[in-house]
Amino acid sequence: MSFCNIKIYINEKETSVAEGVELKDIKEKFYPNSDITILNGFPIDIKKDNRAVSEKDRISFIKKGICPDKDELESLLIARHTPGLHNSLKDGKIAILGLGGLGSNIAISLARVGIGKLIIADFDIVEPSNLNRQNYFISDIGKKKTEATKENIKMANPFIDIETHDLMVTPENMQIFSDTDIIIEAFDNPESKARISNYVLKYMKNKCLIASSGMAGYYDSNIIQTKKIRENFYICGDFVHEAREGDGLMAPRVSICANHMANLAVQILADKKL
């Protein structure tokens, strides 16, 4: 083994180790009781795939069943994301207008990837008929949707900065969402969708707007897509199957559309900041 040292990252802390040192030796020295090893964003089995580390390798060791603190959780998010992506997401600010089938699912997905700040708005409470497609539980019935969503986010990622607004979003109060990178329109009502989208496109031209159209029923999942309509304006859905009598909203397709919207938000932040 060489006596030269190289710099690697162990649980996101820069560490100097001897050139040629192997993963199993690093584990034994720093985290002997860990259960999972992630090398450069990918989990490996050290017993089957032990190897010498290289300059700037990023290695994370995880102990199952232990709740991490903020720094540890962040290091785990960094470990599982593409290198460099995490900081782009951590710096992001996203407003989610409406916390129904789309918004409640979008919020959880964005929290899981580590978006820095979520601004969520809805005027309604959780009621039993919401449970067929919205990201709520029996225990949430009767709560404000903003309150329930915030609680559910905190169970997935307790370190997300969340700003809540218990109100009906209208053009008159849209300025409370001015300090954001992306605005996600997630309303059920077609008139509200059109009114708010038109306002953002006309008066908030520096914001990216993500809207939706068509996700009802149990039609082919693959016809749900993401389209760029014009600069800073995107729509996700199948553009055909709106909710109507005999063709309701169901969890699978609503969630697919919601995650198209969440994934698009990640792409926008990554392209903007990386």
C-alpha atoms as a PDB file:
ATOM      1  CA  MET A   1       0.000   0.000   0.000  1.00  0.00           C
ATOM      2  CA  SER A   2       1.297   3.479  -0.915  1.00  0.00           C
ATOM      3  CA  PHE A   3       2.019   6.067   1.750  1.00  0.00           C
ATOM      4  CA  CYS A   4       0.494   8.830  -0.399  1.00  0.00           C
ATOM      5  CA  ASN A   5      -2.823  10.209   0.808  1.00  0.00           C
ATOM      6  CA  ILE A   6      -5.956  10.909  -1.179  1.00  0.00           C
ATOM      7  CA  LYS A   7      -9.078  12.939  -0.337  1.00  0.00           C
ATOM      8  CA  ILE A   8     -12.417  11.159  -0.177  1.00  0.00           C
ATOM      9  CA  TYR A   9     -15.789  11.969   1.414  1.00  0.00           C
ATOM     10  CA  ILE A  10     -17.108   9.763   4.202  1.00  0.00           C
ATOM     11  CA  ASN A  11     -20.720  10.587   5.075  1.00  0.00           C
ATOM     12  CA  GLU A  12     -20.064  13.887   3.241  1.00  0.00           C
ATOM     13  CA  LYS A  13     -17.066  14.842   5.393  1.00  0.00           C
ATOM     14  CA  GLU A  14     -13.806  15.304   3.518  1.00  0.00           C
ATOM     15  CA  THR A  15     -11.325  12.765   4.851  1.00  0.00           C
ATOM     16  CA  SER A  16      -7.715  11.986   4.046  1.00  0.00           C
ATOM     17  CA  VAL A  17      -6.914   8.273   3.639  1.00  0.00           C
ATOM     18  CA  ALA A  18      -3.966   6.297   2.371  1.00  0.00           C
ATOM     19  CA  GLU A  19      -3.932   5.603  -1.342  1.00  0.00           C
ATOM     20  CA  GLY A  20      -4.945   1.999  -1.982  1.00  0.00           C
ATOM     21  CA  VAL A  21      -7.003   1.606   1.173  1.00  0.00           C
ATOM     22  CA  GLU A  22     -10.058  -0.604   0.646  1.00  0.00           C
ATOM     23  CA  LEU A  23     -13.706   0.000   1.454  1.00  0.00           C
ATOM     24  CA  LYS A  24     -13.821  -2.742   4.088  1.00  0.00           C
ATOM     25  CA  ASP A  25     -10.915  -1.136   5.962  1.00  0.00           C
ATOM     26  CA  ILE A  26     -12.620   2.280   5.906  1.00  0.00           C
ATOM     27  CA  LYS A  27     -15.844   0.738   7.193  1.00  0.00           C
ATOM     28  CA  GLU A  28     -14.019  -1.015  10.036  1.00  0.00           C
ATOM     29  CA  LYS A  29     -12.246   2.185  11.040  1.00  0.00           C
ATOM     30  CA  PHE A  30     -15.065   4.727  10.804  1.00  0.00           C
ATOM     31  CA  TYR A  31     -18.458   2.929  10.885  1.00  0.00           C
ATOM     32  CA  PRO A  32     -17.945  -0.711  11.941  1.00  0.00           C
ATOM     33  CA  ASN A  33     -21.609  -1.186  12.933  1.00  0.00           C
ATOM     34  CA  SER A  34     -23.127   0.187   9.730  1.00  0.00           C
ATOM     35  CA  ASP A  35     -25.449  -2.013   7.657  1.00  0.00           C
ATOM     36  CA  ILE A  36     -25.482  -0.263   4.288  1.00  0.00           C
ATOM     37  CA  THR A  37     -22.662   1.163   2.164  1.00  0.00           C
ATOM     38  CA  ILE A  38     -23.322   3.646  -0.629  1.00  0.00           C
ATOM     39  CA  LEU A  39     -20.487   4.402  -3.030  1.00  0.00           C
ATOM     40  CA  ASN A  40     -20.893   7.403  -5.342  1.00  0.00           C
ATOM     41  CA  GLY A  41     -24.678   7.256  -5.102  1.00  0.00           C
ATOM     42  CA  PHE A  42     -25.070   3.485  -5.487  1.00  0.00           C
ATOM     43  CA  PRO A  43     -25.509   0.864  -2.727  1.00  0.00           C
ATOM     44  CA  ILE A  44     -22.927  -1.916  -2.805  1.00  0.00           C
ATOM     45  CA  ASP A  45     -22.218  -5.099  -0.878  1.00  0.00           C
ATOM     46  CA  ILE A  46     -18.675  -4.750   0.478  1.00  0.00           C
ATOM     47  CA  LYS A  47     -18.384  -8.508   1.010  1.00  0.00           C
ATOM     48  CA  LYS A  48     -18.923  -9.097  -2.713  1.00  0.00           C
ATOM     49  CA  ASP A  49     -17.535  -5.894  -4.178  1.00  0.00           C
ATOM     50  CA  ASN A  50     -14.719  -4.690  -1.962  1.00  0.00           C
ATOM     51  CA  ARG A  51     -12.280  -2.394  -3.747  1.00  0.00           C
ATOM     52  CA  ALA A  52      -9.663   0.289  -3.252  1.00  0.00           C
ATOM     53  CA  VAL A  53     -11.089   3.784  -3.060  1.00  0.00           C
ATOM     54  CA  SER A  54     -10.192   6.559  -5.482  1.00  0.00           C
ATOM     55  CA  GLU A  55      -9.669  10.300  -5.138  1.00  0.00           C
ATOM     56  CA  LYS A  56     -12.951  12.169  -4.443  1.00  0.00           C
ATOM     57  CA  ASP A  57     -15.020   8.997  -3.942  1.00  0.00           C
ATOM     58  CA  ARG A  58     -18.130   9.667  -1.845  1.00  0.00           C
ATOM     59  CA  ILE A  59     -18.944   6.889   0.605  1.00  0.00           C
ATOM     60  CA  SER A  60     -21.856   6.790   3.040  1.00  0.00           C
ATOM     61  CA  PHE A  61     -22.326   4.240   5.794  1.00  0.00           C
ATOM     62  CA  ILE A  62     -25.819   3.775   7.213  1.00  0.00           C
ATOM     63  CA  LYS A  63     -27.058   2.019  10.336  1.00  0.00           C
ATOM     64  CA  LYS A  64     -30.583   0.661   9.898  1.00  0.00           C
ATOM     65  CA  GLY A  65     -33.279   1.714  12.328  1.00  0.00           C
ATOM     66  CA  ILE A  66     -31.471   4.808  13.621  1.00  0.00           C
ATOM     67  CA  CYS A  67     -33.153   8.188  13.097  1.00  0.00           C
ATOM     68  CA  PRO A  68     -30.516  10.545  11.635  1.00  0.00           C
ATOM     69  CA  ASP A  69     -29.998  14.128  12.696  1.00  0.00           C
ATOM     70  CA  LYS A  70     -30.267  16.941  10.135  1.00  0.00           C
ATOM     71  CA  ASP A  71     -26.662  16.746   8.933  1.00  0.00           C
ATOM     72  CA  GLU A  72     -26.754  12.959   8.706  1.00  0.00           C
ATOM     73  CA  LEU A  73     -30.018  12.947   6.766  1.00  0.00           C
ATOM     74  CA  GLU A  74     -28.655  15.537   4.379  1.00  0.00           C
ATOM     75  CA  SER A  75     -25.540  13.447   3.821  1.00  0.00           C
ATOM     76  CA  LEU A  76     -27.743  10.454   2.993  1.00  0.00           C
ATOM     77  CA  LEU A  77     -29.751  12.506   0.487  1.00  0.00           C
ATOM     78  CA  ILE A  78     -26.524  13.690  -1.111  1.00  0.00           C
ATOM     79  CA  ALA A  79     -25.273  10.116  -1.240  1.00  0.00           C
ATOM     80  CA  ARG A  80     -28.336   8.893  -3.146  1.00  0.00           C
ATOM     81  CA  HIS A  81     -28.582  11.829  -5.564  1.00  0.00           C
ATOM     82  CA  THR A  82     -26.443  12.517  -8.592  1.00  0.00           C
ATOM     83  CA  PRO A  83     -23.316  14.357  -7.340  1.00  0.00           C
ATOM     84  CA  GLY A  84     -23.934  18.104  -7.392  1.00  0.00           C
ATOM     85  CA  LEU A  85     -27.716  17.800  -7.646  1.00  0.00           C
ATOM     86  CA  HIS A  86     -28.528  18.018  -3.957  1.00  0.00           C
ATOM     87  CA  ASN A  87     -27.434  21.631  -3.506  1.00  0.00           C
ATOM     88  CA  SER A  88     -29.550  22.666  -6.490  1.00  0.00           C
ATOM     89  CA  LEU A  89     -32.601  21.119  -4.840  1.00  0.00           C
ATOM     90  CA  LYS A  90     -31.744  22.408  -1.369  1.00  0.00           C
ATOM     91  CA  ASP A  91     -31.661  25.973  -2.734  1.00  0.00           C
ATOM     92  CA  GLY A  92     -35.012  25.567  -4.500  1.00  0.00           C
ATOM     93  CA  LYS A  93     -38.249  27.297  -3.466  1.00  0.00           C
ATOM     94  CA  ILE A  94     -41.486  25.860  -4.816  1.00  0.00           C
ATOM     95  CA  ALA A  95     -45.087  26.965  -4.301  1.00  0.00           C
ATOM     96  CA  ILE A  96     -47.810  24.306  -4.513  1.00  0.00           C
ATOM     97  CA  LEU A  97     -51.261  25.814  -5.015  1.00  0.00           C
ATOM     98  CA  GLY A  98     -53.876  23.271  -3.981  1.00  0.00           C
ATOM     99  CA  LEU A  99     -53.326  20.181  -1.823  1.00  0.00           C
ATOM    100  CA  GLY A 100     -55.705  17.674  -3.357  1.00  0.00           C
ATOM    101  CA  GLY A 101     -54.755  14.589  -5.347  1.00  0.00           C
ATOM    102  CA  LEU A 102     -52.010  16.408  -7.200  1.00  0.00           C
ATOM    103  CA  GLY A 103     -50.677  18.843  -4.626  1.00  0.00           C
ATOM    104  CA  SER A 104     -50.562  16.498  -1.635  1.00  0.00           C
ATOM    105  CA  ASN A 105     -48.592  13.910  -3.634  1.00  0.00           C
ATOM    106  CA  ILE A 106     -46.322  16.505  -5.228  1.00  0.00           C
ATOM    107  CA  ALA A 107     -45.472  17.923  -1.811  1.00  0.00           C
ATOM    108  CA  ILE A 108     -44.385  14.544  -0.425  1.00  0.00           C
ATOM    109  CA  SER A 109     -42.255  13.715  -3.471  1.00  0.00           C
ATOM    110  CA  LEU A 110     -40.496  17.081  -3.378  1.00  0.00           C
ATOM    111  CA  ALA A 111     -39.903  16.760   0.367  1.00  0.00           C
ATOM    112  CA  ARG A 112     -38.336  13.337  -0.138  1.00  0.00           C
ATOM    113  CA  VAL A 113     -35.826  14.686  -2.652  1.00  0.00           C
ATOM    114  CA  GLY A 114     -34.856  17.523  -0.307  1.00  0.00           C
ATOM    115  CA  ILE A 115     -36.328  20.673  -1.847  1.00  0.00           C
ATOM    116  CA  GLY A 116     -35.230  23.488   0.439  1.00  0.00           C
ATOM    117  CA  LYS A 117     -38.518  25.328   0.853  1.00  0.00           C
ATOM    118  CA  LEU A 118     -42.120  24.451   0.062  1.00  0.00           C
ATOM    119  CA  ILE A 119     -44.869  27.059   0.158  1.00  0.00           C
ATOM    120  CA  ILE A 120     -48.203  25.229   0.289  1.00  0.00           C
ATOM    121  CA  ALA A 121     -51.703  26.662   0.060  1.00  0.00           C
ATOM    122  CA  ASP A 122     -55.243  25.320   0.342  1.00  0.00           C
ATOM    123  CA  PHE A 123     -58.465  26.493   2.018  1.00  0.00           C
ATOM    124  CA  ASP A 124     -60.051  23.066   2.561  1.00  0.00           C
ATOM    125  CA  ILE A 125     -60.052  20.321   5.181  1.00  0.00           C
ATOM    126  CA  VAL A 126     -59.437  16.590   4.720  1.00  0.00           C
ATOM    127  CA  GLU A 127     -62.634  14.588   4.349  1.00  0.00           C
ATOM    128  CA  PRO A 128     -63.245  10.860   3.759  1.00  0.00           C
ATOM    129  CA  SER A 129     -63.761  11.020  -0.002  1.00  0.00           C
ATOM    130  CA  ASN A 130     -60.250  12.470  -0.364  1.00  0.00           C
ATOM    131  CA  LEU A 131     -58.628   9.217   0.731  1.00  0.00           C
ATOM    132  CA  ASN A 132     -59.096   7.447  -2.615  1.00  0.00           C
ATOM    133  CA  ARG A 133     -56.370   9.535  -4.275  1.00  0.00           C
ATOM    134  CA  GLN A 134     -54.919  12.180  -1.956  1.00  0.00           C
ATOM    135  CA  ASN A 135     -51.902  11.730   0.284  1.00  0.00           C
ATOM    136  CA  TYR A 136     -53.838  11.683   3.550  1.00  0.00           C
ATOM    137  CA  PHE A 137     -54.818   9.109   6.149  1.00  0.00           C
ATOM    138  CA  ILE A 138     -57.816   8.326   8.356  1.00  0.00           C
ATOM    139  CA  SER A 139     -56.156  10.239  11.195  1.00  0.00           C
ATOM    140  CA  ASP A 140     -56.039  13.359   8.989  1.00  0.00           C
ATOM    141  CA  ILE A 141     -59.818  13.618   8.538  1.00  0.00           C
ATOM    142  CA  GLY A 142     -61.065  16.976   9.786  1.00  0.00           C
ATOM    143  CA  LYS A 143     -57.642  18.644   9.708  1.00  0.00           C
ATOM    144  CA  LYS A 144     -56.792  21.551   7.459  1.00  0.00           C
ATOM    145  CA  LYS A 145     -55.077  20.213   4.373  1.00  0.00           C
ATOM    146  CA  THR A 146     -52.145  22.555   4.971  1.00  0.00           C
ATOM    147  CA  GLU A 147     -51.760  21.203   8.516  1.00  0.00           C
ATOM    148  CA  ALA A 148     -52.066  17.548   7.484  1.00  0.00           C
ATOM    149  CA  THR A 149     -49.659  17.966   4.565  1.00  0.00           C
ATOM    150  CA  LYS A 150     -47.099  19.689   6.760  1.00  0.00           C
ATOM    151  CA  GLU A 151     -47.327  16.889   9.333  1.00  0.00           C
ATOM    152  CA  ASN A 152     -46.962  14.199   6.665  1.00  0.00           C
ATOM    153  CA  ILE A 153     -43.990  15.970   5.113  1.00  0.00           C
ATOM    154  CA  LYS A 154     -42.297  16.162   8.494  1.00  0.00           C
ATOM    155  CA  MET A 155     -42.674  12.405   8.908  1.00  0.00           C
ATOM    156  CA  ALA A 156     -40.778  11.913   5.648  1.00  0.00           C
ATOM    157  CA  ASN A 157     -38.263  14.738   5.993  1.00  0.00           C
ATOM    158  CA  PRO A 158     -38.421  16.766   9.230  1.00  0.00           C
ATOM    159  CA  PHE A 159     -35.931  19.378   8.023  1.00  0.00           C
ATOM    160  CA  ILE A 160     -37.867  20.866   5.090  1.00  0.00           C
ATOM    161  CA  ASP A 161     -38.751  24.559   5.439  1.00  0.00           C
ATOM    162  CA  ILE A 162     -42.544  24.723   5.017  1.00  0.00           C
ATOM    163  CA  GLU A 163     -44.650  27.860   4.730  1.00  0.00           C
ATOM    164  CA  THR A 164     -48.411  27.319   4.879  1.00  0.00           C
ATOM    165  CA  HIS A 165     -51.308  29.504   3.730  1.00  0.00           C
ATOM    166  CA  ASP A 166     -54.871  28.535   4.673  1.00  0.00           C
ATOM    167  CA  LEU A 167     -56.710  30.422   1.968  1.00  0.00           C
ATOM    168  CA  MET A 168     -58.343  30.246  -1.420  1.00  0.00           C
ATOM    169  CA  VAL A 169     -55.698  31.319  -3.902  1.00  0.00           C
ATOM    170  CA  THR A 170     -56.836  34.166  -6.131  1.00  0.00           C
ATOM    171  CA  PRO A 171     -55.064  36.687  -8.369  1.00  0.00           C
ATOM    172  CA  GLU A 172     -55.465  39.210  -5.541  1.00  0.00           C
ATOM    173  CA  ASN A 173     -53.243  37.239  -3.139  1.00  0.00           C
ATOM    174  CA  MET A 174     -50.762  35.700  -5.594  1.00  0.00           C
ATOM    175  CA  GLN A 175     -47.962  38.018  -4.470  1.00  0.00           C
ATOM    176  CA  ILE A 176     -47.456  35.924  -1.346  1.00  0.00           C
ATOM    177  CA  PHE A 177     -45.861  33.370  -3.708  1.00  0.00           C
ATOM    178  CA  SER A 178     -43.470  35.850  -5.322  1.00  0.00           C
ATOM    179  CA  ASP A 179     -40.373  34.527  -3.543  1.00  0.00           C
ATOM    180  CA  THR A 180     -40.317  31.211  -5.407  1.00  0.00           C
ATOM    181  CA  ASP A 181     -38.551  29.608  -8.349  1.00  0.00           C
ATOM    182  CA  ILE A 182     -41.480  27.465  -9.465  1.00  0.00           C
ATOM    183  CA  ILE A 183     -45.254  27.721  -9.076  1.00  0.00           C
ATOM    184  CA  ILE A 184     -47.215  24.482  -9.361  1.00  0.00           C
ATOM    185  CA  GLU A 185     -50.925  24.863 -10.118  1.00  0.00           C
ATOM    186  CA  ALA A 186     -52.718  21.858  -8.614  1.00  0.00           C
ATOM    187  CA  PHE A 187     -56.374  22.874  -8.531  1.00  0.00           C
ATOM    188  CA  ASP A 188     -59.440  20.733  -9.234  1.00  0.00           C
ATOM    189  CA  ASN A 189     -61.617  23.602 -10.461  1.00  0.00           C
ATOM    190  CA  PRO A 190     -61.085  24.446 -14.176  1.00  0.00           C
ATOM    191  CA  GLU A 191     -61.942  28.113 -13.666  1.00  0.00           C
ATOM    192  CA  SER A 192     -59.400  28.468 -10.863  1.00  0.00           C
ATOM    193  CA  LYS A 193     -56.780  26.674 -12.955  1.00  0.00           C
ATOM    194  CA  ALA A 194     -57.275  29.059 -15.863  1.00  0.00           C
ATOM    195  CA  ARG A 195     -57.503  32.217 -13.745  1.00  0.00           C
ATOM    196  CA  ILE A 196     -54.315  31.565 -11.750  1.00  0.00           C
ATOM    197  CA  SER A 197     -52.345  30.256 -14.739  1.00  0.00           C
ATOM    198  CA  ASN A 198     -53.232  33.363 -16.739  1.00  0.00           C
ATOM    199  CA  TYR A 199     -52.177  35.589 -13.852  1.00  0.00           C
ATOM    200  CA  VAL A 200     -48.792  33.890 -13.451  1.00  0.00           C
ATOM    201  CA  LEU A 201     -48.086  33.977 -17.193  1.00  0.00           C
ATOM    202  CA  LYS A 202     -48.992  37.656 -17.414  1.00  0.00           C
ATOM    203  CA  TYR A 203     -47.654  39.129 -14.180  1.00  0.00           C
ATOM    204  CA  MET A 204     -45.047  36.651 -12.895  1.00  0.00           C
ATOM    205  CA  LYS A 205     -43.147  35.966 -16.086  1.00  0.00           C
ATOM    206  CA  ASN A 206     -39.898  35.210 -14.268  1.00  0.00           C
ATOM    207  CA  LYS A 207     -41.488  32.168 -12.555  1.00  0.00           C
ATOM    208  CA  CYS A 208     -41.740  28.696 -14.022  1.00  0.00           C
ATOM    209  CA  LEU A 209     -45.358  27.538 -14.054  1.00  0.00           C
ATOM    210  CA  ILE A 210     -46.290  23.849 -13.992  1.00  0.00           C
ATOM    211  CA  ALA A 211     -49.976  23.065 -14.605  1.00  0.00           C
ATOM    212  CA  SER A 212     -52.015  19.945 -15.379  1.00  0.00           C
ATOM    213  CA  SER A 213     -54.652  18.669 -17.783  1.00  0.00           C
ATOM    214  CA  GLY A 214     -56.138  15.173 -17.944  1.00  0.00           C
ATOM    215  CA  MET A 215     -55.532  12.387 -15.416  1.00  0.00           C
ATOM    216  CA  ALA A 216     -58.945  10.825 -14.750  1.00  0.00           C
ATOM    217  CA  GLY A 217     -59.874   7.146 -14.945  1.00  0.00           C
ATOM    218  CA  TYR A 218     -57.604   4.151 -15.415  1.00  0.00           C
ATOM    219  CA  TYR A 219     -56.498   4.740 -18.990  1.00  0.00           C
ATOM    220  CA  ASP A 220     -53.023   3.921 -20.284  1.00  0.00           C
ATOM    221  CA  SER A 221     -50.395   5.316 -17.927  1.00  0.00           C
ATOM    222  CA  ASN A 222     -48.049   6.057 -20.799  1.00  0.00           C
ATOM    223  CA  ILE A 223     -50.237   8.699 -22.403  1.00  0.00           C
ATOM    224  CA  ILE A 224     -49.641  10.970 -19.406  1.00  0.00           C
ATOM    225  CA  GLN A 225     -46.789  13.206 -20.470  1.00  0.00           C
ATOM    226  CA  THR A 226     -45.008  16.487 -19.819  1.00  0.00           C
ATOM    227  CA  LYS A 227     -45.206  19.210 -22.460  1.00  0.00           C
ATOM    228  CA  LYS A 228     -43.451  22.544 -22.687  1.00  0.00           C
ATOM    229  CA  ILE A 229     -46.076  24.977 -23.933  1.00  0.00           C
ATOM    230  CA  ARG A 230     -43.816  28.008 -24.072  1.00  0.00           C
ATOM    231  CA  GLU A 231     -40.959  29.554 -22.141  1.00  0.00           C
ATOM    232  CA  ASN A 232     -41.442  28.901 -18.399  1.00  0.00           C
ATOM    233  CA  PHE A 233     -44.820  27.171 -18.932  1.00  0.00           C
ATOM    234  CA  TYR A 234     -45.388  23.409 -18.788  1.00  0.00           C
ATOM    235  CA  ILE A 235     -48.447  21.152 -18.602  1.00  0.00           C
ATOM    236  CA  CYS A 236     -48.528  17.541 -17.389  1.00  0.00           C
ATOM    237  CA  GLY A 237     -51.310  15.039 -18.120  1.00  0.00           C
ATOM    238  CA  ASP A 238     -52.910  13.235 -21.051  1.00  0.00           C
ATOM    239  CA  PHE A 239     -54.757  16.410 -22.209  1.00  0.00           C
ATOM    240  CA  VAL A 240     -57.936  14.389 -22.806  1.00  0.00           C
ATOM    241  CA  HIS A 241     -59.387  12.644 -19.758  1.00  0.00           C
ATOM    242  CA  GLU A 242     -60.669  15.287 -17.370  1.00  0.00           C
ATOM    243  CA  ALA A 243     -62.787  14.202 -14.410  1.00  0.00           C
ATOM    244  CA  ARG A 244     -66.484  13.936 -15.278  1.00  0.00           C
ATOM    245  CA  GLU A 245     -69.534  11.835 -14.482  1.00  0.00           C
ATOM    246  CA  GLY A 246     -68.632   8.159 -14.887  1.00  0.00           C
ATOM    247  CA  ASP A 247     -64.918   8.937 -15.161  1.00  0.00           C
ATOM    248  CA  GLY A 248     -63.551   9.853 -11.737  1.00  0.00           C
ATOM    249  CA  LEU A 249     -60.138  10.533 -10.320  1.00  0.00           C
ATOM    250  CA  MET A 250     -58.213   7.541  -8.957  1.00  0.00           C
ATOM    251  CA  ALA A 251     -54.963   7.278  -7.050  1.00  0.00           C
ATOM    252  CA  PRO A 252     -52.765   5.542  -9.667  1.00  0.00           C
ATOM    253  CA  ARG A 253     -53.199   7.998 -12.555  1.00  0.00           C
ATOM    254  CA  VAL A 254     -53.429  11.061 -10.323  1.00  0.00           C
ATOM    255  CA  SER A 255     -50.171  10.034  -8.641  1.00  0.00           C
ATOM    256  CA  ILE A 256     -48.501   9.447 -12.011  1.00  0.00           C
ATOM    257  CA  CYS A 257     -49.428  12.953 -13.122  1.00  0.00           C
ATOM    258  CA  ALA A 258     -48.389  14.418  -9.763  1.00  0.00           C
ATOM    259  CA  ASN A 259     -44.977  12.845 -10.040  1.00  0.00           C
ATOM    260  CA  HIS A 260     -44.570  14.067 -13.622  1.00  0.00           C
ATOM    261  CA  MET A 261     -45.028  17.529 -12.145  1.00  0.00           C
ATOM    262  CA  ALA A 262     -42.660  16.901  -9.234  1.00  0.00           C
ATOM    263  CA  ASN A 263     -40.016  15.407 -11.515  1.00  0.00           C
ATOM    264  CA  LEU A 264     -40.290  18.366 -13.883  1.00  0.00           C
ATOM    265  CA  ALA A 265     -39.690  20.716 -10.946  1.00  0.00           C
ATOM    266  CA  VAL A 266     -36.521  18.763 -10.118  1.00  0.00           C
ATOM    267  CA  GLN A 267     -35.369  19.005 -13.742  1.00  0.00           C
ATOM    268  CA  ILE A 268     -35.955  22.757 -13.831  1.00  0.00           C
ATOM    269  CA  LEU A 269     -33.968  23.334 -10.639  1.00  0.00           C
ATOM    270  CA  ALA A 270     -31.171  21.047 -11.807  1.00  0.00           C
ATOM    271  CA  ASP A 271     -30.867  22.731 -15.214  1.00  0.00           C
ATOM    272  CA  LYS A 272     -30.985  26.165 -13.607  1.00  0.00           C
ATOM    273  CA  LYS A 273     -28.422  25.636 -10.877  1.00  0.00           C
ATOM    274  CA  LEU A 274     -26.022  22.851 -11.904  1.00  0.00           C
END
